[in-house]
Amino acid sequence: TWAMVLGPFGWLLVALLPSAHEAKSARCPHCAGVLAVGSAQCGHC
C-alpha cells in the first residue's frame, strides 16, 4: 500500500516501521532483567 501510494518514500516508511515479528519486552521491576510482556515470573530473579 505505502509503496504504491508514495513510491520510494513508501519503501523508506515501511523499512522504518517496527517489525511485527519482534516480541515486546519490558524490564523486571525487581532486578531490571529483560522479560516478555505479560509473563508472570521473571526468568532472572
All heavy atoms as atom14 arrays in JSON, in Angstrom:
{
  "sequence": "TWAMVLGPFGWLLVALLPSAHEAKSARCPHCAGVLAVGSAQCGHC",
  "atom14_mask": [
    [1, 1, 1, 1, 1, 1, 1, 0, 0, 0, 0, 0, 0, 0],
    [1, 1, 1, 1, 1, 1, 1, 1, 1, 1, 1, 1, 1, 1],
    [1, 1, 1, 1, 1, 0, 0, 0, 0, 0, 0, 0, 0, 0],
    [1, 1, 1, 1, 1, 1, 1, 1, 0, 0, 0, 0, 0, 0],
    [1, 1, 1, 1, 1, 1, 1, 0, 0, 0, 0, 0, 0, 0],
    [1, 1, 1, 1, 1, 1, 1, 1, 0, 0, 0, 0, 0, 0],
    [1, 1, 1, 1, 0, 0, 0, 0, 0, 0, 0, 0, 0, 0],
    [1, 1, 1, 1, 1, 1, 1, 0, 0, 0, 0, 0, 0, 0],
    [1, 1, 1, 1, 1, 1, 1, 1, 1, 1, 1, 0, 0, 0],
    [1, 1, 1, 1, 0, 0, 0, 0, 0, 0, 0, 0, 0, 0],
    [1, 1, 1, 1, 1, 1, 1, 1, 1, 1, 1, 1, 1, 1],
    [1, 1, 1, 1, 1, 1, 1, 1, 0, 0, 0, 0, 0, 0],
    [1, 1, 1, 1, 1, 1, 1, 1, 0, 0, 0, 0, 0, 0],
    [1, 1, 1, 1, 1, 1, 1, 0, 0, 0, 0, 0, 0, 0],
    [1, 1, 1, 1, 1, 0, 0, 0, 0, 0, 0, 0, 0, 0],
    [1, 1, 1, 1, 1, 1, 1, 1, 0, 0, 0, 0, 0, 0],
    [1, 1, 1, 1, 1, 1, 1, 1, 0, 0, 0, 0, 0, 0],
    [1, 1, 1, 1, 1, 1, 1, 0, 0, 0, 0, 0, 0, 0],
    [1, 1, 1, 1, 1, 1, 0, 0, 0, 0, 0, 0, 0, 0],
    [1, 1, 1, 1, 1, 0, 0, 0, 0, 0, 0, 0, 0, 0],
    [1, 1, 1, 1, 1, 1, 1, 1, 1, 1, 0, 0, 0, 0],
    [1, 1, 1, 1, 1, 1, 1, 1, 1, 0, 0, 0, 0, 0],
    [1, 1, 1, 1, 1, 0, 0, 0, 0, 0, 0, 0, 0, 0],
    [1, 1, 1, 1, 1, 1, 1, 1, 1, 0, 0, 0, 0, 0],
    [1, 1, 1, 1, 1, 1, 0, 0, 0, 0, 0, 0, 0, 0],
    [1, 1, 1, 1, 1, 0, 0, 0, 0, 0, 0, 0, 0, 0],
    [1, 1, 1, 1, 1, 1, 1, 1, 1, 1, 1, 0, 0, 0],
    [1, 1, 1, 1, 1, 1, 0, 0, 0, 0, 0, 0, 0, 0],
    [1, 1, 1, 1, 1, 1, 1, 0, 0, 0, 0, 0, 0, 0],
    [1, 1, 1, 1, 1, 1, 1, 1, 1, 1, 0, 0, 0, 0],
    [1, 1, 1, 1, 1, 1, 0, 0, 0, 0, 0, 0, 0, 0],
    [1, 1, 1, 1, 1, 0, 0, 0, 0, 0, 0, 0, 0, 0],
    [1, 1, 1, 1, 0, 0, 0, 0, 0, 0, 0, 0, 0, 0],
    [1, 1, 1, 1, 1, 1, 1, 0, 0, 0, 0, 0, 0, 0],
    [1, 1, 1, 1, 1, 1, 1, 1, 0, 0, 0, 0, 0, 0],
    [1, 1, 1, 1, 1, 0, 0, 0, 0, 0, 0, 0, 0, 0],
    [1, 1, 1, 1, 1, 1, 1, 0, 0, 0, 0, 0, 0, 0],
    [1, 1, 1, 1, 0, 0, 0, 0, 0, 0, 0, 0, 0, 0],
    [1, 1, 1, 1, 1, 1, 0, 0, 0, 0, 0, 0, 0, 0],
    [1, 1, 1, 1, 1, 0, 0, 0, 0, 0, 0, 0, 0, 0],
    [1, 1, 1, 1, 1, 1, 1, 1, 1, 0, 0, 0, 0, 0],
    [1, 1, 1, 1, 1, 1, 0, 0, 0, 0, 0, 0, 0, 0],
    [1, 1, 1, 1, 0, 0, 0, 0, 0, 0, 0, 0, 0, 0],
    [1, 1, 1, 1, 1, 1, 1, 1, 1, 1, 0, 0, 0, 0],
    [1, 1, 1, 1, 1, 1, 0, 0, 0, 0, 0, 0, 0, 0]
  ],
  "atom14_positions": [
    [[0.82, -1.22, 0.0], [0.0, 0.0, 0.0], [0.85, 1.26, 0.0], [0.65, 2.15, -0.83], [-0.93, 0.0, 1.23], [-1.69, -1.21, 1.22], [-1.85, 1.2, 1.2], [0.0, 0.0, 0.0], [0.0, 0.0, 0.0], [0.0, 0.0, 0.0], [0.0, 0.0, 0.0], [0.0, 0.0, 0.0], [0.0, 0.0, 0.0], [0.0, 0.0, 0.0]],
    [[1.78, 1.36, 0.95], [2.58, 2.59, 1.04], [3.49, 2.78, -0.17], [3.71, 3.9, -0.62], [3.41, 2.61, 2.32], [2.57, 2.9, 3.52], [2.3, 2.06, 4.55], [1.84, 4.1, 3.79], [1.46, 2.68, 5.44], [1.17, 3.93, 5.0], [1.7, 5.31, 3.12], [0.36, 4.91, 5.56], [0.9, 6.29, 3.68], [0.24, 6.09, 4.87]],
    [[4.0, 1.69, -0.73], [4.86, 1.81, -1.9], [4.06, 2.26, -3.12], [4.54, 3.04, -3.93], [5.54, 0.48, -2.19], [0.0, 0.0, 0.0], [0.0, 0.0, 0.0], [0.0, 0.0, 0.0], [0.0, 0.0, 0.0], [0.0, 0.0, 0.0], [0.0, 0.0, 0.0], [0.0, 0.0, 0.0], [0.0, 0.0, 0.0], [0.0, 0.0, 0.0]],
    [[2.83, 1.79, -3.25], [2.01, 2.19, -4.39], [1.57, 3.65, -4.27], [1.44, 4.34, -5.26], [0.8, 1.27, -4.53], [1.2, -0.12, -5.01], [-0.15, -1.28, -5.07], [-1.1, -0.65, -6.43], [0.0, 0.0, 0.0], [0.0, 0.0, 0.0], [0.0, 0.0, 0.0], [0.0, 0.0, 0.0], [0.0, 0.0, 0.0], [0.0, 0.0, 0.0]],
    [[1.36, 4.1, -3.04], [0.91, 5.48, -2.84], [2.08, 6.47, -2.89], [1.98, 7.51, -3.54], [0.16, 5.6, -1.48], [-0.14, 7.05, -1.16], [-1.11, 4.78, -1.52], [0.0, 0.0, 0.0], [0.0, 0.0, 0.0], [0.0, 0.0, 0.0], [0.0, 0.0, 0.0], [0.0, 0.0, 0.0], [0.0, 0.0, 0.0], [0.0, 0.0, 0.0]],
    [[3.18, 6.13, -2.23], [4.28, 7.09, -2.09], [5.54, 6.74, -2.88], [6.51, 7.5, -2.84], [4.67, 7.21, -0.6], [3.58, 7.71, 0.33], [4.06, 7.66, 1.77], [3.14, 9.11, -0.04], [0.0, 0.0, 0.0], [0.0, 0.0, 0.0], [0.0, 0.0, 0.0], [0.0, 0.0, 0.0], [0.0, 0.0, 0.0], [0.0, 0.0, 0.0]],
    [[5.55, 5.6, -3.55], [6.73, 5.21, -4.34], [7.91, 4.93, -3.44], [7.77, 4.26, -2.42], [0.0, 0.0, 0.0], [0.0, 0.0, 0.0], [0.0, 0.0, 0.0], [0.0, 0.0, 0.0], [0.0, 0.0, 0.0], [0.0, 0.0, 0.0], [0.0, 0.0, 0.0], [0.0, 0.0, 0.0], [0.0, 0.0, 0.0], [0.0, 0.0, 0.0]],
    [[9.09, 5.44, -3.78], [10.29, 5.16, -2.97], [10.18, 5.67, -1.53], [10.78, 5.11, -0.63], [11.41, 5.9, -3.7], [10.91, 6.12, -5.07], [9.41, 6.18, -4.98], [0.0, 0.0, 0.0], [0.0, 0.0, 0.0], [0.0, 0.0, 0.0], [0.0, 0.0, 0.0], [0.0, 0.0, 0.0], [0.0, 0.0, 0.0], [0.0, 0.0, 0.0]],
    [[9.4, 6.72, -1.32], [9.2, 7.21, 0.05], [8.42, 6.18, 0.87], [8.61, 6.05, 2.07], [8.49, 8.56, 0.07], [9.3, 9.64, -0.58], [8.93, 10.16, -1.8], [10.45, 10.13, 0.02], [9.68, 11.15, -2.41], [11.21, 11.12, -0.57], [10.82, 11.63, -1.79], [0.0, 0.0, 0.0], [0.0, 0.0, 0.0], [0.0, 0.0, 0.0]],
    [[7.53, 5.44, 0.22], [6.81, 4.36, 0.87], [7.74, 3.24, 1.28], [7.55, 2.62, 2.33], [0.0, 0.0, 0.0], [0.0, 0.0, 0.0], [0.0, 0.0, 0.0], [0.0, 0.0, 0.0], [0.0, 0.0, 0.0], [0.0, 0.0, 0.0], [0.0, 0.0, 0.0], [0.0, 0.0, 0.0], [0.0, 0.0, 0.0], [0.0, 0.0, 0.0]],
    [[8.75, 2.96, 0.45], [9.75, 1.95, 0.81], [10.44, 2.34, 2.11], [10.61, 1.54, 3.01], [10.82, 1.8, -0.26], [10.36, 1.38, -1.6], [9.18, 0.78, -1.92], [11.09, 1.52, -2.82], [9.13, 0.55, -3.27], [10.29, 0.98, -3.84], [12.32, 2.04, -3.14], [10.7, 0.96, -5.17], [12.73, 2.01, -4.45], [11.93, 1.47, -5.46]],
    [[10.84, 3.6, 2.18], [11.53, 4.1, 3.37], [10.62, 4.03, 4.59], [11.05, 3.61, 5.67], [12.01, 5.53, 3.13], [12.8, 6.18, 4.25], [14.09, 5.42, 4.49], [13.11, 7.61, 3.9], [0.0, 0.0, 0.0], [0.0, 0.0, 0.0], [0.0, 0.0, 0.0], [0.0, 0.0, 0.0], [0.0, 0.0, 0.0], [0.0, 0.0, 0.0]],
    [[9.37, 4.42, 4.42], [8.42, 4.38, 5.53], [8.25, 2.97, 6.06], [8.3, 2.74, 7.27], [7.06, 4.94, 5.07], [5.94, 4.91, 6.09], [6.24, 5.91, 7.2], [4.62, 5.21, 5.44], [0.0, 0.0, 0.0], [0.0, 0.0, 0.0], [0.0, 0.0, 0.0], [0.0, 0.0, 0.0], [0.0, 0.0, 0.0], [0.0, 0.0, 0.0]],
    [[8.06, 2.01, 5.17], [7.88, 0.62, 5.59], [9.16, 0.08, 6.22], [9.11, -0.66, 7.21], [7.43, -0.25, 4.41], [7.39, -1.72, 4.79], [6.07, 0.19, 3.92], [0.0, 0.0, 0.0], [0.0, 0.0, 0.0], [0.0, 0.0, 0.0], [0.0, 0.0, 0.0], [0.0, 0.0, 0.0], [0.0, 0.0, 0.0], [0.0, 0.0, 0.0]],
    [[10.3, 0.46, 5.7], [11.57, 0.0, 6.26], [11.78, 0.52, 7.68], [12.4, -0.14, 8.51], [12.73, 0.42, 5.38], [0.0, 0.0, 0.0], [0.0, 0.0, 0.0], [0.0, 0.0, 0.0], [0.0, 0.0, 0.0], [0.0, 0.0, 0.0], [0.0, 0.0, 0.0], [0.0, 0.0, 0.0], [0.0, 0.0, 0.0], [0.0, 0.0, 0.0]],
    [[11.23, 1.69, 7.98], [11.39, 2.28, 9.31], [10.32, 1.84, 10.3], [10.46, 2.08, 11.5], [11.4, 3.81, 9.21], [12.59, 4.4, 8.46], [12.44, 5.91, 8.34], [13.9, 4.04, 9.13], [0.0, 0.0, 0.0], [0.0, 0.0, 0.0], [0.0, 0.0, 0.0], [0.0, 0.0, 0.0], [0.0, 0.0, 0.0], [0.0, 0.0, 0.0]],
    [[9.25, 1.19, 9.83], [8.21, 0.7, 10.74], [8.78, -0.41, 11.62], [9.65, -1.17, 11.18], [7.04, 0.13, 9.94], [6.08, 1.1, 9.29], [5.08, 0.33, 8.42], [5.34, 1.9, 10.33], [0.0, 0.0, 0.0], [0.0, 0.0, 0.0], [0.0, 0.0, 0.0], [0.0, 0.0, 0.0], [0.0, 0.0, 0.0], [0.0, 0.0, 0.0]],
    [[8.29, -0.53, 12.85], [8.77, -1.64, 13.68], [8.3, -2.97, 13.11], [7.23, -3.05, 12.51], [8.14, -1.36, 15.04], [6.99, -0.47, 14.77], [7.34, 0.31, 13.54], [0.0, 0.0, 0.0], [0.0, 0.0, 0.0], [0.0, 0.0, 0.0], [0.0, 0.0, 0.0], [0.0, 0.0, 0.0], [0.0, 0.0, 0.0], [0.0, 0.0, 0.0]],
    [[9.08, -3.98, 13.3], [8.75, -5.31, 12.8], [7.58, -5.89, 13.58], [7.51, -5.75, 14.81], [9.96, -6.23, 12.92], [9.63, -7.52, 12.48], [0.0, 0.0, 0.0], [0.0, 0.0, 0.0], [0.0, 0.0, 0.0], [0.0, 0.0, 0.0], [0.0, 0.0, 0.0], [0.0, 0.0, 0.0], [0.0, 0.0, 0.0], [0.0, 0.0, 0.0]],
    [[6.68, -6.54, 12.89], [5.54, -7.19, 13.54], [5.96, -8.49, 14.21], [5.23, -9.04, 15.02], [4.43, -7.45, 12.52], [0.0, 0.0, 0.0], [0.0, 0.0, 0.0], [0.0, 0.0, 0.0], [0.0, 0.0, 0.0], [0.0, 0.0, 0.0], [0.0, 0.0, 0.0], [0.0, 0.0, 0.0], [0.0, 0.0, 0.0], [0.0, 0.0, 0.0]],
    [[7.15, -9.0, 13.88], [7.63, -10.26, 14.42], [8.3, -10.1, 15.78], [8.43, -11.07, 16.51], [8.64, -10.91, 13.47], [8.09, -11.2, 12.12], [7.0, -12.01, 11.92], [8.48, -10.79, 10.9], [6.75, -12.09, 10.64], [7.64, -11.35, 9.99], [0.0, 0.0, 0.0], [0.0, 0.0, 0.0], [0.0, 0.0, 0.0], [0.0, 0.0, 0.0]],
    [[8.76, -8.92, 16.08], [9.51, -8.72, 17.32], [8.59, -8.86, 18.53], [7.51, -8.28, 18.59], [10.14, -7.32, 17.35], [11.24, -7.14, 16.34], [11.78, -5.72, 16.34], [11.37, -4.92, 17.19], [12.59, -5.43, 15.47], [0.0, 0.0, 0.0], [0.0, 0.0, 0.0], [0.0, 0.0, 0.0], [0.0, 0.0, 0.0], [0.0, 0.0, 0.0]],
    [[9.03, -9.65, 19.48], [8.27, -9.77, 20.72], [8.54, -8.54, 21.56], [9.68, -8.08, 21.66], [8.69, -11.02, 21.48], [0.0, 0.0, 0.0], [0.0, 0.0, 0.0], [0.0, 0.0, 0.0], [0.0, 0.0, 0.0], [0.0, 0.0, 0.0], [0.0, 0.0, 0.0], [0.0, 0.0, 0.0], [0.0, 0.0, 0.0], [0.0, 0.0, 0.0]],
    [[7.52, -8.03, 22.18], [7.71, -6.86, 23.03], [8.31, -7.31, 24.34], [8.0, -8.37, 24.86], [6.38, -6.17, 23.25], [5.79, -5.69, 21.95], [4.81, -4.61, 22.18], [4.24, -4.23, 20.83], [4.06, -2.89, 20.65], [0.0, 0.0, 0.0], [0.0, 0.0, 0.0], [0.0, 0.0, 0.0], [0.0, 0.0, 0.0], [0.0, 0.0, 0.0]],
    [[9.19, -6.51, 24.86], [9.84, -6.85, 26.12], [9.76, -5.68, 27.09], [9.49, -4.56, 26.7], [11.3, -7.23, 25.89], [12.0, -6.17, 25.33], [0.0, 0.0, 0.0], [0.0, 0.0, 0.0], [0.0, 0.0, 0.0], [0.0, 0.0, 0.0], [0.0, 0.0, 0.0], [0.0, 0.0, 0.0], [0.0, 0.0, 0.0], [0.0, 0.0, 0.0]],
    [[9.96, -6.0, 28.34], [9.93, -4.99, 29.4], [11.05, -5.32, 30.39], [11.69, -6.36, 30.3], [8.58, -4.99, 30.09], [0.0, 0.0, 0.0], [0.0, 0.0, 0.0], [0.0, 0.0, 0.0], [0.0, 0.0, 0.0], [0.0, 0.0, 0.0], [0.0, 0.0, 0.0], [0.0, 0.0, 0.0], [0.0, 0.0, 0.0], [0.0, 0.0, 0.0]],
    [[11.26, -4.43, 31.34], [12.26, -4.65, 32.38], [11.56, -5.13, 33.65], [10.5, -4.64, 34.02], [13.0, -3.34, 32.69], [13.86, -2.85, 31.55], [15.09, -3.66, 31.48], [15.94, -3.21, 30.38], [17.06, -3.79, 30.09], [17.5, -4.79, 30.82], [17.78, -3.37, 29.08], [0.0, 0.0, 0.0], [0.0, 0.0, 0.0], [0.0, 0.0, 0.0]],
    [[12.19, -6.07, 34.32], [11.67, -6.57, 35.59], [11.8, -5.45, 36.63], [12.85, -4.82, 36.73], [12.47, -7.79, 36.03], [12.06, -8.38, 37.69], [0.0, 0.0, 0.0], [0.0, 0.0, 0.0], [0.0, 0.0, 0.0], [0.0, 0.0, 0.0], [0.0, 0.0, 0.0], [0.0, 0.0, 0.0], [0.0, 0.0, 0.0], [0.0, 0.0, 0.0]],
    [[10.75, -5.19, 37.41], [10.84, -4.13, 38.42], [11.74, -4.5, 39.6], [12.12, -3.64, 40.38], [9.39, -3.95, 38.88], [8.72, -5.23, 38.56], [9.42, -5.79, 37.36], [0.0, 0.0, 0.0], [0.0, 0.0, 0.0], [0.0, 0.0, 0.0], [0.0, 0.0, 0.0], [0.0, 0.0, 0.0], [0.0, 0.0, 0.0], [0.0, 0.0, 0.0]],
    [[12.1, -5.78, 39.72], [12.94, -6.22, 40.84], [14.42, -6.19, 40.5], [15.23, -5.69, 41.26], [12.54, -7.64, 41.27], [11.09, -7.75, 41.64], [10.58, -7.32, 42.83], [10.03, -8.24, 40.94], [9.28, -7.54, 42.86], [8.92, -8.1, 41.72], [0.0, 0.0, 0.0], [0.0, 0.0, 0.0], [0.0, 0.0, 0.0], [0.0, 0.0, 0.0]],
    [[14.78, -6.78, 39.34], [16.21, -6.92, 39.0], [16.6, -6.21, 37.71], [17.76, -6.21, 37.33], [16.57, -8.4, 38.87], [15.87, -9.21, 37.44], [0.0, 0.0, 0.0], [0.0, 0.0, 0.0], [0.0, 0.0, 0.0], [0.0, 0.0, 0.0], [0.0, 0.0, 0.0], [0.0, 0.0, 0.0], [0.0, 0.0, 0.0], [0.0, 0.0, 0.0]],
    [[15.65, -5.6, 37.02], [15.85, -4.89, 35.75], [16.26, -5.83, 34.62], [16.76, -5.39, 33.6], [16.86, -3.76, 35.9], [0.0, 0.0, 0.0], [0.0, 0.0, 0.0], [0.0, 0.0, 0.0], [0.0, 0.0, 0.0], [0.0, 0.0, 0.0], [0.0, 0.0, 0.0], [0.0, 0.0, 0.0], [0.0, 0.0, 0.0], [0.0, 0.0, 0.0]],
    [[16.02, -7.12, 34.77], [16.26, -8.07, 33.69], [15.2, -7.94, 32.62], [14.09, -7.48, 32.87], [0.0, 0.0, 0.0], [0.0, 0.0, 0.0], [0.0, 0.0, 0.0], [0.0, 0.0, 0.0], [0.0, 0.0, 0.0], [0.0, 0.0, 0.0], [0.0, 0.0, 0.0], [0.0, 0.0, 0.0], [0.0, 0.0, 0.0], [0.0, 0.0, 0.0]],
    [[15.51, -8.37, 31.41], [14.56, -8.3, 30.31], [13.61, -9.48, 30.4], [14.02, -10.62, 30.59], [15.3, -8.33, 28.95], [14.33, -8.3, 27.8], [16.27, -7.15, 28.86], [0.0, 0.0, 0.0], [0.0, 0.0, 0.0], [0.0, 0.0, 0.0], [0.0, 0.0, 0.0], [0.0, 0.0, 0.0], [0.0, 0.0, 0.0], [0.0, 0.0, 0.0]],
    [[12.31, -9.19, 30.27], [11.3, -10.24, 30.28], [10.22, -9.93, 29.26], [10.04, -8.79, 28.87], [10.72, -10.44, 31.68], [10.15, -9.23, 32.41], [8.65, -9.17, 32.27], [10.51, -9.33, 33.86], [0.0, 0.0, 0.0], [0.0, 0.0, 0.0], [0.0, 0.0, 0.0], [0.0, 0.0, 0.0], [0.0, 0.0, 0.0], [0.0, 0.0, 0.0]],
    [[9.51, -10.95, 28.83], [8.44, -10.78, 27.85], [7.24, -10.12, 28.52], [6.93, -10.4, 29.68], [8.03, -12.13, 27.27], [0.0, 0.0, 0.0], [0.0, 0.0, 0.0], [0.0, 0.0, 0.0], [0.0, 0.0, 0.0], [0.0, 0.0, 0.0], [0.0, 0.0, 0.0], [0.0, 0.0, 0.0], [0.0, 0.0, 0.0], [0.0, 0.0, 0.0]],
    [[6.58, -9.24, 27.78], [5.42, -8.55, 28.32], [4.33, -9.58, 28.63], [4.02, -10.44, 27.82], [4.89, -7.51, 27.31], [3.56, -6.94, 27.76], [5.9, -6.4, 27.13], [0.0, 0.0, 0.0], [0.0, 0.0, 0.0], [0.0, 0.0, 0.0], [0.0, 0.0, 0.0], [0.0, 0.0, 0.0], [0.0, 0.0, 0.0], [0.0, 0.0, 0.0]],
    [[3.8, -9.51, 29.84], [2.74, -10.4, 30.27], [3.21, -11.64, 31.01], [2.39, -12.41, 31.49], [0.0, 0.0, 0.0], [0.0, 0.0, 0.0], [0.0, 0.0, 0.0], [0.0, 0.0, 0.0], [0.0, 0.0, 0.0], [0.0, 0.0, 0.0], [0.0, 0.0, 0.0], [0.0, 0.0, 0.0], [0.0, 0.0, 0.0], [0.0, 0.0, 0.0]],
    [[4.52, -11.84, 31.12], [5.0, -13.03, 31.83], [4.72, -12.89, 33.32], [4.78, -11.8, 33.88], [6.48, -13.27, 31.57], [7.23, -12.15, 31.98], [0.0, 0.0, 0.0], [0.0, 0.0, 0.0], [0.0, 0.0, 0.0], [0.0, 0.0, 0.0], [0.0, 0.0, 0.0], [0.0, 0.0, 0.0], [0.0, 0.0, 0.0], [0.0, 0.0, 0.0]],
    [[4.41, -14.01, 33.97], [4.03, -13.99, 35.37], [5.23, -13.97, 36.31], [5.12, -13.55, 37.45], [3.16, -15.19, 35.69], [0.0, 0.0, 0.0], [0.0, 0.0, 0.0], [0.0, 0.0, 0.0], [0.0, 0.0, 0.0], [0.0, 0.0, 0.0], [0.0, 0.0, 0.0], [0.0, 0.0, 0.0], [0.0, 0.0, 0.0], [0.0, 0.0, 0.0]],
    [[6.38, -14.44, 35.82], [7.56, -14.54, 36.68], [8.8, -14.15, 35.89], [8.93, -14.47, 34.71], [7.69, -15.98, 37.17], [8.8, -16.21, 38.15], [8.84, -17.66, 38.6], [8.28, -18.55, 37.97], [9.53, -17.9, 39.7], [0.0, 0.0, 0.0], [0.0, 0.0, 0.0], [0.0, 0.0, 0.0], [0.0, 0.0, 0.0], [0.0, 0.0, 0.0]],
    [[9.72, -13.47, 36.54], [10.97, -13.08, 35.91], [11.87, -14.3, 35.8], [12.0, -15.07, 36.75], [11.67, -12.0, 36.74], [13.3, -11.53, 36.09], [0.0, 0.0, 0.0], [0.0, 0.0, 0.0], [0.0, 0.0, 0.0], [0.0, 0.0, 0.0], [0.0, 0.0, 0.0], [0.0, 0.0, 0.0], [0.0, 0.0, 0.0], [0.0, 0.0, 0.0]],
    [[12.48, -14.49, 34.65], [13.37, -15.61, 34.44], [14.73, -15.44, 35.11], [15.47, -16.4, 35.28], [0.0, 0.0, 0.0], [0.0, 0.0, 0.0], [0.0, 0.0, 0.0], [0.0, 0.0, 0.0], [0.0, 0.0, 0.0], [0.0, 0.0, 0.0], [0.0, 0.0, 0.0], [0.0, 0.0, 0.0], [0.0, 0.0, 0.0], [0.0, 0.0, 0.0]],
    [[15.05, -14.21, 35.51], [16.36, -13.94, 36.12], [16.32, -14.07, 37.65], [17.08, -14.8, 38.24], [16.85, -12.54, 35.74], [16.98, -12.35, 34.27], [18.06, -12.81, 33.56], [16.17, -11.78, 33.36], [17.91, -12.53, 32.27], [16.77, -11.9, 32.14], [0.0, 0.0, 0.0], [0.0, 0.0, 0.0], [0.0, 0.0, 0.0], [0.0, 0.0, 0.0]],
    [[15.41, -13.34, 38.26], [15.37, -13.32, 39.73], [14.25, -14.19, 40.31], [14.15, -14.35, 41.51], [15.22, -11.89, 40.22], [13.66, -11.1, 39.79], [0.0, 0.0, 0.0], [0.0, 0.0, 0.0], [0.0, 0.0, 0.0], [0.0, 0.0, 0.0], [0.0, 0.0, 0.0], [0.0, 0.0, 0.0], [0.0, 0.0, 0.0], [0.0, 0.0, 0.0]]
  ]
}
